[in-house]
Amino acid sequence: MTHKVLILPEAASEAEAAYVYIAKQSPEKAVAWYNGLLDAMFSLDTLPKRHPVAPESEFLDREVRQFVHGNYRIIYLVEDQPKVVRILYVRHGARRRFGEQGE
């Protein structure tokens, strides 16, 4: 059975901000990046635990996972009952991780 993928408002806002930033350099690349991001997110409906556990798991006190798309880390939570994947954050790879000094 597949999982339902939900993109939480903060993650959607971060993805949109990344799109706007990339579009300033290249509108075509921004569209390709954003479409690829959505494809990657929604592919988590099957085998959502295929990506590694994120370091933020310790700080968030739950097992969250991550994958990289371009320069961005996508942090998500897998729930088995009900079968849901919650996309929590879309963070630039250069940003500090949660729990690190300054975050």
PDB file of N, CA and C in Angstrom:
ATOM      1  N   MET A   1       0.846  -1.185   0.000  1.00  0.00           N
ATOM      2  CA  MET A   1       0.000   0.000   0.000  1.00  0.00           C
ATOM      3  C   MET A   1       0.888   1.244   0.000  1.00  0.00           C
ATOM      4  N   THR A   2       0.480   2.250  -0.717  1.00  0.00           N
ATOM      5  CA  THR A   2       1.293   3.452  -0.828  1.00  0.00           C
ATOM      6  C   THR A   2       0.945   4.460   0.267  1.00  0.00           C
ATOM      7  N   HIS A   3       1.880   5.341   0.495  1.00  0.00           N
ATOM      8  CA  HIS A   3       1.705   6.423   1.465  1.00  0.00           C
ATOM      9  C   HIS A   3       1.132   7.656   0.762  1.00  0.00           C
ATOM     10  N   LYS A   4       0.376   8.429   1.494  1.00  0.00           N
ATOM     11  CA  LYS A   4      -0.084   9.725   0.999  1.00  0.00           C
ATOM     12  C   LYS A   4       1.023  10.733   1.304  1.00  0.00           C
ATOM     13  N   VAL A   5       1.371  11.598   0.356  1.00  0.00           N
ATOM     14  CA  VAL A   5       2.418  12.595   0.546  1.00  0.00           C
ATOM     15  C   VAL A   5       1.763  13.951   0.790  1.00  0.00           C
ATOM     16  N   LEU A   6       2.102  14.564   1.927  1.00  0.00           N
ATOM     17  CA  LEU A   6       1.595  15.888   2.283  1.00  0.00           C
ATOM     18  C   LEU A   6       2.771  16.855   2.387  1.00  0.00           C
ATOM     19  N   ILE A   7       2.688  17.961   1.687  1.00  0.00           N
ATOM     20  CA  ILE A   7       3.721  18.998   1.773  1.00  0.00           C
ATOM     21  C   ILE A   7       3.202  20.043   2.752  1.00  0.00           C
ATOM     22  N   LEU A   8       3.859  20.156   3.890  1.00  0.00           N
ATOM     23  CA  LEU A   8       3.412  21.094   4.909  1.00  0.00           C
ATOM     24  C   LEU A   8       3.667  22.533   4.454  1.00  0.00           C
ATOM     25  N   PRO A   9       2.897  23.489   4.989  1.00  0.00           N
ATOM     26  CA  PRO A   9       3.001  24.883   4.535  1.00  0.00           C
ATOM     27  C   PRO A   9       4.417  25.459   4.586  1.00  0.00           C
ATOM     28  N   GLU A  10       5.168  25.165   5.638  1.00  0.00           N
ATOM     29  CA  GLU A  10       6.529  25.709   5.720  1.00  0.00           C
ATOM     30  C   GLU A  10       7.405  25.173   4.593  1.00  0.00           C
ATOM     31  N   ALA A  11       7.285  23.877   4.305  1.00  0.00           N
ATOM     32  CA  ALA A  11       8.069  23.293   3.218  1.00  0.00           C
ATOM     33  C   ALA A  11       7.648  23.877   1.875  1.00  0.00           C
ATOM     34  N   ALA A  12       6.359  24.072   1.674  1.00  0.00           N
ATOM     35  CA  ALA A  12       5.867  24.655   0.421  1.00  0.00           C
ATOM     36  C   ALA A  12       6.402  26.077   0.257  1.00  0.00           C
ATOM     37  N   SER A  13       6.411  26.834   1.337  1.00  0.00           N
ATOM     38  CA  SER A  13       6.924  28.204   1.304  1.00  0.00           C
ATOM     39  C   SER A  13       8.424  28.228   1.005  1.00  0.00           C
ATOM     40  N   GLU A  14       9.166  27.316   1.628  1.00  0.00           N
ATOM     41  CA  GLU A  14      10.613  27.242   1.386  1.00  0.00           C
ATOM     42  C   GLU A  14      10.906  26.839  -0.060  1.00  0.00           C
ATOM     43  N   ALA A  15      10.125  25.912  -0.599  1.00  0.00           N
ATOM     44  CA  ALA A  15      10.311  25.483  -1.992  1.00  0.00           C
ATOM     45  C   ALA A  15      10.015  26.638  -2.947  1.00  0.00           C
ATOM     46  N   GLU A  16       8.974  27.388  -2.650  1.00  0.00           N
ATOM     47  CA  GLU A  16       8.628  28.537  -3.492  1.00  0.00           C
ATOM     48  C   GLU A  16       9.723  29.600  -3.439  1.00  0.00           C
ATOM     49  N   ALA A  17      10.267  29.857  -2.254  1.00  0.00           N
ATOM     50  CA  ALA A  17      11.348  30.835  -2.117  1.00  0.00           C
ATOM     51  C   ALA A  17      12.588  30.374  -2.897  1.00  0.00           C
ATOM     52  N   ALA A  18      12.878  29.086  -2.851  1.00  0.00           N
ATOM     53  CA  ALA A  18      14.017  28.552  -3.608  1.00  0.00           C
ATOM     54  C   ALA A  18      13.776  28.723  -5.110  1.00  0.00           C
ATOM     55  N   TYR A  19      12.562  28.454  -5.540  1.00  0.00           N
ATOM     56  CA  TYR A  19      12.210  28.628  -6.954  1.00  0.00           C
ATOM     57  C   TYR A  19      12.442  30.077  -7.396  1.00  0.00           C
ATOM     58  N   VAL A  20      11.959  31.017  -6.599  1.00  0.00           N
ATOM     59  CA  VAL A  20      12.114  32.438  -6.929  1.00  0.00           C
ATOM     60  C   VAL A  20      13.597  32.802  -7.009  1.00  0.00           C
ATOM     61  N   TYR A  21      14.387  32.306  -6.062  1.00  0.00           N
ATOM     62  CA  TYR A  21      15.822  32.581  -6.045  1.00  0.00           C
ATOM     63  C   TYR A  21      16.494  32.032  -7.314  1.00  0.00           C
ATOM     64  N   ILE A  22      16.186  30.782  -7.653  1.00  0.00           N
ATOM     65  CA  ILE A  22      16.797  30.156  -8.831  1.00  0.00           C
ATOM     66  C   ILE A  22      16.339  30.868 -10.106  1.00  0.00           C
ATOM     67  N   ALA A  23      15.076  31.275 -10.140  1.00  0.00           N
ATOM     68  CA  ALA A  23      14.512  31.927 -11.329  1.00  0.00           C
ATOM     69  C   ALA A  23      15.195  33.252 -11.636  1.00  0.00           C
ATOM     70  N   LYS A  24      15.752  33.907 -10.623  1.00  0.00           N
ATOM     71  CA  LYS A  24      16.475  35.160 -10.867  1.00  0.00           C
ATOM     72  C   LYS A  24      17.692  34.927 -11.751  1.00  0.00           C
ATOM     73  N   GLN A  25      18.285  33.743 -11.638  1.00  0.00           N
ATOM     74  CA  GLN A  25      19.446  33.389 -12.449  1.00  0.00           C
ATOM     75  C   GLN A  25      19.020  32.773 -13.778  1.00  0.00           C
ATOM     76  N   SER A  26      18.011  31.890 -13.717  1.00  0.00           N
ATOM     77  CA  SER A  26      17.579  31.176 -14.914  1.00  0.00           C
ATOM     78  C   SER A  26      16.147  30.669 -14.727  1.00  0.00           C
ATOM     79  N   PRO A  27      15.199  31.325 -15.357  1.00  0.00           N
ATOM     80  CA  PRO A  27      13.808  30.879 -15.236  1.00  0.00           C
ATOM     81  C   PRO A  27      13.601  29.428 -15.699  1.00  0.00           C
ATOM     82  N   GLU A  28      14.289  29.025 -16.751  1.00  0.00           N
ATOM     83  CA  GLU A  28      14.140  27.658 -17.258  1.00  0.00           C
ATOM     84  C   GLU A  28      14.651  26.631 -16.250  1.00  0.00           C
ATOM     85  N   LYS A  29      15.802  26.929 -15.655  1.00  0.00           N
ATOM     86  CA  LYS A  29      16.345  26.014 -14.645  1.00  0.00           C
ATOM     87  C   LYS A  29      15.444  25.954 -13.421  1.00  0.00           C
ATOM     88  N   ALA A  30      14.840  27.077 -13.067  1.00  0.00           N
ATOM     89  CA  ALA A  30      13.949  27.111 -11.912  1.00  0.00           C
ATOM     90  C   ALA A  30      12.743  26.204 -12.135  1.00  0.00           C
ATOM     91  N   VAL A  31      12.169  26.265 -13.325  1.00  0.00           N
ATOM     92  CA  VAL A  31      11.013  25.416 -13.638  1.00  0.00           C
ATOM     93  C   VAL A  31      11.419  23.945 -13.578  1.00  0.00           C
ATOM     94  N   ALA A  32      12.551  23.611 -14.196  1.00  0.00           N
ATOM     95  CA  ALA A  32      13.023  22.221 -14.189  1.00  0.00           C
ATOM     96  C   ALA A  32      13.307  21.759 -12.764  1.00  0.00           C
ATOM     97  N   TRP A  33      13.952  22.613 -11.965  1.00  0.00           N
ATOM     98  CA  TRP A  33      14.265  22.263 -10.579  1.00  0.00           C
ATOM     99  C   TRP A  33      12.984  22.010  -9.784  1.00  0.00           C
ATOM    100  N   TYR A  34      12.028  22.918  -9.905  1.00  0.00           N
ATOM    101  CA  TYR A  34      10.791  22.810  -9.134  1.00  0.00           C
ATOM    102  C   TYR A  34       9.985  21.572  -9.532  1.00  0.00           C
ATOM    103  N   ASN A  35       9.868  21.332 -10.836  1.00  0.00           N
ATOM    104  CA  ASN A  35       9.151  20.138 -11.289  1.00  0.00           C
ATOM    105  C   ASN A  35       9.844  18.865 -10.817  1.00  0.00           C
ATOM    106  N   GLY A  36      11.175  18.851 -10.861  1.00  0.00           N
ATOM    107  CA  GLY A  36      11.928  17.704 -10.357  1.00  0.00           C
ATOM    108  C   GLY A  36      11.736  17.510  -8.869  1.00  0.00           C
ATOM    109  N   LEU A  37      11.674  18.628  -8.133  1.00  0.00           N
ATOM    110  CA  LEU A  37      11.449  18.563  -6.694  1.00  0.00           C
ATOM    111  C   LEU A  37      10.091  17.925  -6.394  1.00  0.00           C
ATOM    112  N   LEU A  38       9.062  18.391  -7.080  1.00  0.00           N
ATOM    113  CA  LEU A  38       7.730  17.814  -6.856  1.00  0.00           C
ATOM    114  C   LEU A  38       7.703  16.331  -7.212  1.00  0.00           C
ATOM    115  N   ASP A  39       8.332  15.966  -8.325  1.00  0.00           N
ATOM    116  CA  ASP A  39       8.394  14.546  -8.704  1.00  0.00           C
ATOM    117  C   ASP A  39       9.084  13.717  -7.618  1.00  0.00           C
ATOM    118  N   ALA A  40      10.202  14.240  -7.104  1.00  0.00           N
ATOM    119  CA  ALA A  40      10.949  13.520  -6.064  1.00  0.00           C
ATOM    120  C   ALA A  40      10.125  13.394  -4.781  1.00  0.00           C
ATOM    121  N   MET A  41       9.456  14.478  -4.412  1.00  0.00           N
ATOM    122  CA  MET A  41       8.627  14.433  -3.195  1.00  0.00           C
ATOM    123  C   MET A  41       7.508  13.413  -3.339  1.00  0.00           C
ATOM    124  N   PHE A  42       6.777  13.477  -4.445  1.00  0.00           N
ATOM    125  CA  PHE A  42       5.627  12.586  -4.600  1.00  0.00           C
ATOM    126  C   PHE A  42       6.038  11.139  -4.867  1.00  0.00           C
ATOM    127  N   SER A  43       7.301  10.912  -5.244  1.00  0.00           N
ATOM    128  CA  SER A  43       7.776   9.532  -5.403  1.00  0.00           C
ATOM    129  C   SER A  43       7.935   8.842  -4.050  1.00  0.00           C
ATOM    130  N   LEU A  44       7.880   9.629  -2.972  1.00  0.00           N
ATOM    131  CA  LEU A  44       7.980   9.047  -1.628  1.00  0.00           C
ATOM    132  C   LEU A  44       6.740   8.252  -1.256  1.00  0.00           C
ATOM    133  N   ASP A  45       5.731   8.245  -2.120  1.00  0.00           N
ATOM    134  CA  ASP A  45       4.528   7.463  -1.832  1.00  0.00           C
ATOM    135  C   ASP A  45       4.844   5.969  -1.772  1.00  0.00           C
ATOM    136  N   THR A  46       5.905   5.556  -2.465  1.00  0.00           N
ATOM    137  CA  THR A  46       6.353   4.162  -2.376  1.00  0.00           C
ATOM    138  C   THR A  46       7.780   4.143  -1.824  1.00  0.00           C
ATOM    139  N   LEU A  47       8.040   3.230  -0.963  1.00  0.00           N
ATOM    140  CA  LEU A  47       9.348   3.069  -0.314  1.00  0.00           C
ATOM    141  C   LEU A  47       9.858   4.373   0.304  1.00  0.00           C
ATOM    142  N   PRO A  48       9.099   5.015   1.156  1.00  0.00           N
ATOM    143  CA  PRO A  48       9.520   6.307   1.709  1.00  0.00           C
ATOM    144  C   PRO A  48      10.727   6.221   2.640  1.00  0.00           C
ATOM    145  N   LYS A  49      11.043   5.033   3.120  1.00  0.00           N
ATOM    146  CA  LYS A  49      12.183   4.893   4.031  1.00  0.00           C
ATOM    147  C   LYS A  49      13.480   4.572   3.296  1.00  0.00           C
ATOM    148  N   ARG A  50      13.496   4.787   1.987  1.00  0.00           N
ATOM    149  CA  ARG A  50      14.693   4.464   1.199  1.00  0.00           C
ATOM    150  C   ARG A  50      15.817   5.471   1.383  1.00  0.00           C
ATOM    151  N   HIS A  51      15.517   6.634   1.933  1.00  0.00           N
ATOM    152  CA  HIS A  51      16.531   7.659   2.164  1.00  0.00           C
ATOM    153  C   HIS A  51      17.028   7.594   3.605  1.00  0.00           C
ATOM    154  N   PRO A  52      18.225   8.128   3.866  1.00  0.00           N
ATOM    155  CA  PRO A  52      18.806   8.021   5.203  1.00  0.00           C
ATOM    156  C   PRO A  52      18.086   8.886   6.241  1.00  0.00           C
ATOM    157  N   VAL A  53      18.297   8.496   7.479  1.00  0.00           N
ATOM    158  CA  VAL A  53      17.792   9.278   8.611  1.00  0.00           C
ATOM    159  C   VAL A  53      18.581  10.583   8.667  1.00  0.00           C
ATOM    160  N   ALA A  54      17.884  11.676   8.888  1.00  0.00           N
ATOM    161  CA  ALA A  54      18.511  13.002   8.933  1.00  0.00           C
ATOM    162  C   ALA A  54      19.088  13.273  10.317  1.00  0.00           C
ATOM    163  N   PRO A  55      20.180  14.043  10.390  1.00  0.00           N
ATOM    164  CA  PRO A  55      20.762  14.394  11.693  1.00  0.00           C
ATOM    165  C   PRO A  55      19.766  15.127  12.591  1.00  0.00           C
ATOM    166  N   GLU A  56      18.798  15.813  12.010  1.00  0.00           N
ATOM    167  CA  GLU A  56      17.806  16.556  12.786  1.00  0.00           C
ATOM    168  C   GLU A  56      16.934  15.649  13.637  1.00  0.00           C
ATOM    169  N   SER A  57      16.965  14.351  13.377  1.00  0.00           N
ATOM    170  CA  SER A  57      16.162  13.415  14.168  1.00  0.00           C
ATOM    171  C   SER A  57      16.440  13.572  15.655  1.00  0.00           C
ATOM    172  N   GLU A  58      17.702  13.765  15.990  1.00  0.00           N
ATOM    173  CA  GLU A  58      18.073  13.918  17.396  1.00  0.00           C
ATOM    174  C   GLU A  58      17.446  15.173  17.988  1.00  0.00           C
ATOM    175  N   PHE A  59      17.479  16.267  17.257  1.00  0.00           N
ATOM    176  CA  PHE A  59      16.947  17.529  17.744  1.00  0.00           C
ATOM    177  C   PHE A  59      15.422  17.507  17.785  1.00  0.00           C
ATOM    178  N   LEU A  60      14.804  16.922  16.762  1.00  0.00           N
ATOM    179  CA  LEU A  60      13.347  16.899  16.675  1.00  0.00           C
ATOM    180  C   LEU A  60      12.729  15.795  17.519  1.00  0.00           C
ATOM    181  N   ASP A  61      13.560  14.898  18.042  1.00  0.00           N
ATOM    182  CA  ASP A  61      13.101  13.807  18.905  1.00  0.00           C
ATOM    183  C   ASP A  61      12.183  12.826  18.178  1.00  0.00           C
ATOM    184  N   ARG A  62      12.342  12.723  16.867  1.00  0.00           N
ATOM    185  CA  ARG A  62      11.614  11.771  16.042  1.00  0.00           C
ATOM    186  C   ARG A  62      12.517  11.387  14.881  1.00  0.00           C
ATOM    187  N   GLU A  63      12.254  10.236  14.311  1.00  0.00           N
ATOM    188  CA  GLU A  63      13.040   9.827  13.150  1.00  0.00           C
ATOM    189  C   GLU A  63      12.516  10.542  11.910  1.00  0.00           C
ATOM    190  N   VAL A  64      13.316  11.453  11.398  1.00  0.00           N
ATOM    191  CA  VAL A  64      13.003  12.116  10.141  1.00  0.00           C
ATOM    192  C   VAL A  64      14.065  11.716   9.130  1.00  0.00           C
ATOM    193  N   ARG A  65      13.694  11.745   7.888  1.00  0.00           N
ATOM    194  CA  ARG A  65      14.596  11.331   6.816  1.00  0.00           C
ATOM    195  C   ARG A  65      14.883  12.500   5.896  1.00  0.00           C
ATOM    196  N   GLN A  66      15.857  12.312   5.024  1.00  0.00           N
ATOM    197  CA  GLN A  66      16.247  13.394   4.125  1.00  0.00           C
ATOM    198  C   GLN A  66      16.668  12.843   2.773  1.00  0.00           C
ATOM    199  N   PHE A  67      16.504  13.673   1.768  1.00  0.00           N
ATOM    200  CA  PHE A  67      17.130  13.418   0.475  1.00  0.00           C
ATOM    201  C   PHE A  67      17.554  14.769  -0.089  1.00  0.00           C
ATOM    202  N   VAL A  68      18.461  14.728  -1.035  1.00  0.00           N
ATOM    203  CA  VAL A  68      19.008  15.950  -1.620  1.00  0.00           C
ATOM    204  C   VAL A  68      18.465  16.104  -3.033  1.00  0.00           C
ATOM    205  N   HIS A  69      18.047  17.325  -3.333  1.00  0.00           N
ATOM    206  CA  HIS A  69      17.606  17.674  -4.685  1.00  0.00           C
ATOM    207  C   HIS A  69      18.325  18.966  -5.053  1.00  0.00           C
ATOM    208  N   GLY A  70      19.262  18.870  -5.963  1.00  0.00           N
ATOM    209  CA  GLY A  70      20.088  20.037  -6.292  1.00  0.00           C
ATOM    210  C   GLY A  70      20.891  20.426  -5.065  1.00  0.00           C
ATOM    211  N   ASN A  71      20.801  21.680  -4.676  1.00  0.00           N
ATOM    212  CA  ASN A  71      21.514  22.168  -3.490  1.00  0.00           C
ATOM    213  C   ASN A  71      20.641  22.147  -2.240  1.00  0.00           C
ATOM    214  N   TYR A  72      19.508  21.497  -2.295  1.00  0.00           N
ATOM    215  CA  TYR A  72      18.538  21.548  -1.201  1.00  0.00           C
ATOM    216  C   TYR A  72      18.329  20.180  -0.566  1.00  0.00           C
ATOM    217  N   ARG A  73      18.187  20.207   0.753  1.00  0.00           N
ATOM    218  CA  ARG A  73      17.866  18.994   1.510  1.00  0.00           C
ATOM    219  C   ARG A  73      16.367  19.025   1.815  1.00  0.00           C
ATOM    220  N   ILE A  74      15.714  17.925   1.528  1.00  0.00           N
ATOM    221  CA  ILE A  74      14.298  17.805   1.814  1.00  0.00           C
ATOM    222  C   ILE A  74      14.189  16.895   3.033  1.00  0.00           C
ATOM    223  N   ILE A  75      13.574  17.404   4.074  1.00  0.00           N
ATOM    224  CA  ILE A  75      13.459  16.687   5.343  1.00  0.00           C
ATOM    225  C   ILE A  75      11.995  16.287   5.510  1.00  0.00           C
ATOM    226  N   TYR A  76      11.793  15.000   5.785  1.00  0.00           N
ATOM    227  CA  TYR A  76      10.425  14.499   5.849  1.00  0.00           C
ATOM    228  C   TYR A  76      10.254  13.450   6.937  1.00  0.00           C
ATOM    229  N   LEU A  77       9.005  13.245   7.301  1.00  0.00           N
ATOM    230  CA  LEU A  77       8.612  12.312   8.348  1.00  0.00           C
ATOM    231  C   LEU A  77       7.742  11.233   7.721  1.00  0.00           C
ATOM    232  N   VAL A  78       8.010   9.970   8.072  1.00  0.00           N
ATOM    233  CA  VAL A  78       7.207   8.856   7.579  1.00  0.00           C
ATOM    234  C   VAL A  78       6.353   8.331   8.733  1.00  0.00           C
ATOM    235  N   GLU A  79       5.060   8.282   8.512  1.00  0.00           N
ATOM    236  CA  GLU A  79       4.133   7.710   9.489  1.00  0.00           C
ATOM    237  C   GLU A  79       3.518   6.461   8.869  1.00  0.00           C
ATOM    238  N   ASP A  80       3.504   5.376   9.626  1.00  0.00           N
ATOM    239  CA  ASP A  80       2.960   4.127   9.096  1.00  0.00           C
ATOM    240  C   ASP A  80       1.477   3.946   9.398  1.00  0.00           C
ATOM    241  N   GLN A  81       0.969   4.621  10.417  1.00  0.00           N
ATOM    242  CA  GLN A  81      -0.461   4.547  10.751  1.00  0.00           C
ATOM    243  C   GLN A  81      -0.980   5.934  11.032  1.00  0.00           C
ATOM    244  N   PRO A  82      -1.673   6.600  10.161  1.00  0.00           N
ATOM    245  CA  PRO A  82      -1.962   6.159   8.784  1.00  0.00           C
ATOM    246  C   PRO A  82      -0.720   6.303   7.913  1.00  0.00           C
ATOM    247  N   LYS A  83      -0.759   5.740   6.756  1.00  0.00           N
ATOM    248  CA  LYS A  83       0.390   5.764   5.849  1.00  0.00           C
ATOM    249  C   LYS A  83       0.506   7.148   5.206  1.00  0.00           C
ATOM    250  N   VAL A  84       1.339   7.991   5.831  1.00  0.00           N
ATOM    251  CA  VAL A  84       1.508   9.370   5.384  1.00  0.00           C
ATOM    252  C   VAL A  84       2.984   9.741   5.418  1.00  0.00           C
ATOM    253  N   VAL A  85       3.416  10.479   4.406  1.00  0.00           N
ATOM    254  CA  VAL A  85       4.735  11.108   4.388  1.00  0.00           C
ATOM    255  C   VAL A  85       4.482  12.603   4.494  1.00  0.00           C
ATOM    256  N   ARG A  86       5.071  13.230   5.504  1.00  0.00           N
ATOM    257  CA  ARG A  86       4.917  14.674   5.693  1.00  0.00           C
ATOM    258  C   ARG A  86       6.234  15.355   5.325  1.00  0.00           C
ATOM    259  N   ILE A  87       6.208  16.180   4.292  1.00  0.00           N
ATOM    260  CA  ILE A  87       7.384  16.954   3.899  1.00  0.00           C
ATOM    261  C   ILE A  87       7.446  18.137   4.853  1.00  0.00           C
ATOM    262  N   LEU A  88       8.498  18.171   5.675  1.00  0.00           N
ATOM    263  CA  LEU A  88       8.605  19.176   6.728  1.00  0.00           C
ATOM    264  C   LEU A  88       9.342  20.431   6.278  1.00  0.00           C
ATOM    265  N   TYR A  89      10.479  20.245   5.612  1.00  0.00           N
ATOM    266  CA  TYR A  89      11.336  21.380   5.277  1.00  0.00           C
ATOM    267  C   TYR A  89      12.029  21.163   3.943  1.00  0.00           C
ATOM    268  N   VAL A  90      12.298  22.267   3.258  1.00  0.00           N
ATOM    269  CA  VAL A  90      13.147  22.300   2.063  1.00  0.00           C
ATOM    270  C   VAL A  90      14.222  23.325   2.406  1.00  0.00           C
ATOM    271  N   ARG A  91      15.418  22.841   2.722  1.00  0.00           N
ATOM    272  CA  ARG A  91      16.470  23.728   3.237  1.00  0.00           C
ATOM    273  C   ARG A  91      17.697  23.688   2.340  1.00  0.00           C
ATOM    274  N   HIS A  92      18.258  24.860   2.080  1.00  0.00           N
ATOM    275  CA  HIS A  92      19.491  24.912   1.301  1.00  0.00           C
ATOM    276  C   HIS A  92      20.567  24.135   2.060  1.00  0.00           C
ATOM    277  N   GLY A  93      21.371  23.395   1.327  1.00  0.00           N
ATOM    278  CA  GLY A  93      22.398  22.553   1.937  1.00  0.00           C
ATOM    279  C   GLY A  93      23.435  23.322   2.737  1.00  0.00           C
ATOM    280  N   ALA A  94      23.614  24.611   2.445  1.00  0.00           N
ATOM    281  CA  ALA A  94      24.598  25.422   3.164  1.00  0.00           C
ATOM    282  C   ALA A  94      24.081  25.877   4.532  1.00  0.00           C
ATOM    283  N   ARG A  95      22.781  25.773   4.755  1.00  0.00           N
ATOM    284  CA  ARG A  95      22.234  26.196   6.054  1.00  0.00           C
ATOM    285  C   ARG A  95      22.612  25.194   7.131  1.00  0.00           C
ATOM    286  N   ARG A  96      22.755  25.706   8.324  1.00  0.00           N
ATOM    287  CA  ARG A  96      23.045  24.839   9.460  1.00  0.00           C
ATOM    288  C   ARG A  96      21.860  23.918   9.715  1.00  0.00           C
ATOM    289  N   ARG A  97      22.168  22.786  10.304  1.00  0.00           N
ATOM    290  CA  ARG A  97      21.113  21.848  10.669  1.00  0.00           C
ATOM    291  C   ARG A  97      20.442  22.307  11.949  1.00  0.00           C
ATOM    292  N   PHE A  98      19.212  21.875  12.162  1.00  0.00           N
ATOM    293  CA  PHE A  98      18.518  22.202  13.401  1.00  0.00           C
ATOM    294  C   PHE A  98      19.356  21.751  14.586  1.00  0.00           C
ATOM    295  N   GLY A  99      19.399  22.579  15.609  1.00  0.00           N
ATOM    296  CA  GLY A  99      20.130  22.223  16.806  1.00  0.00           C
ATOM    297  C   GLY A  99      21.580  22.681  16.779  1.00  0.00           C
ATOM    298  N   GLU A 100      22.084  23.053  15.604  1.00  0.00           N
ATOM    299  CA  GLU A 100      23.448  23.584  15.533  1.00  0.00           C
ATOM    300  C   GLU A 100      23.436  25.027  15.951  1.00  0.00           C
ATOM    301  N   GLN A 101      24.561  25.528  16.382  1.00  0.00           N
ATOM    302  CA  GLN A 101      24.696  26.924  16.813  1.00  0.00           C
ATOM    303  C   GLN A 101      24.097  27.861  15.767  1.00  0.00           C
ATOM    304  N   GLY A 102      23.215  28.745  16.206  1.00  0.00           N
ATOM    305  CA  GLY A 102      22.662  29.749  15.301  1.00  0.00           C
ATOM    306  C   GLY A 102      21.394  29.340  14.590  1.00  0.00           C
ATOM    307  N   GLU A 103      20.905  28.126  14.782  1.00  0.00           N
ATOM    308  CA  GLU A 103      19.660  27.681  14.114  1.00  0.00           C
ATOM    309  C   GLU A 103      18.570  27.519  15.121  1.00  0.00           C
TER     310      GLU A 103
END
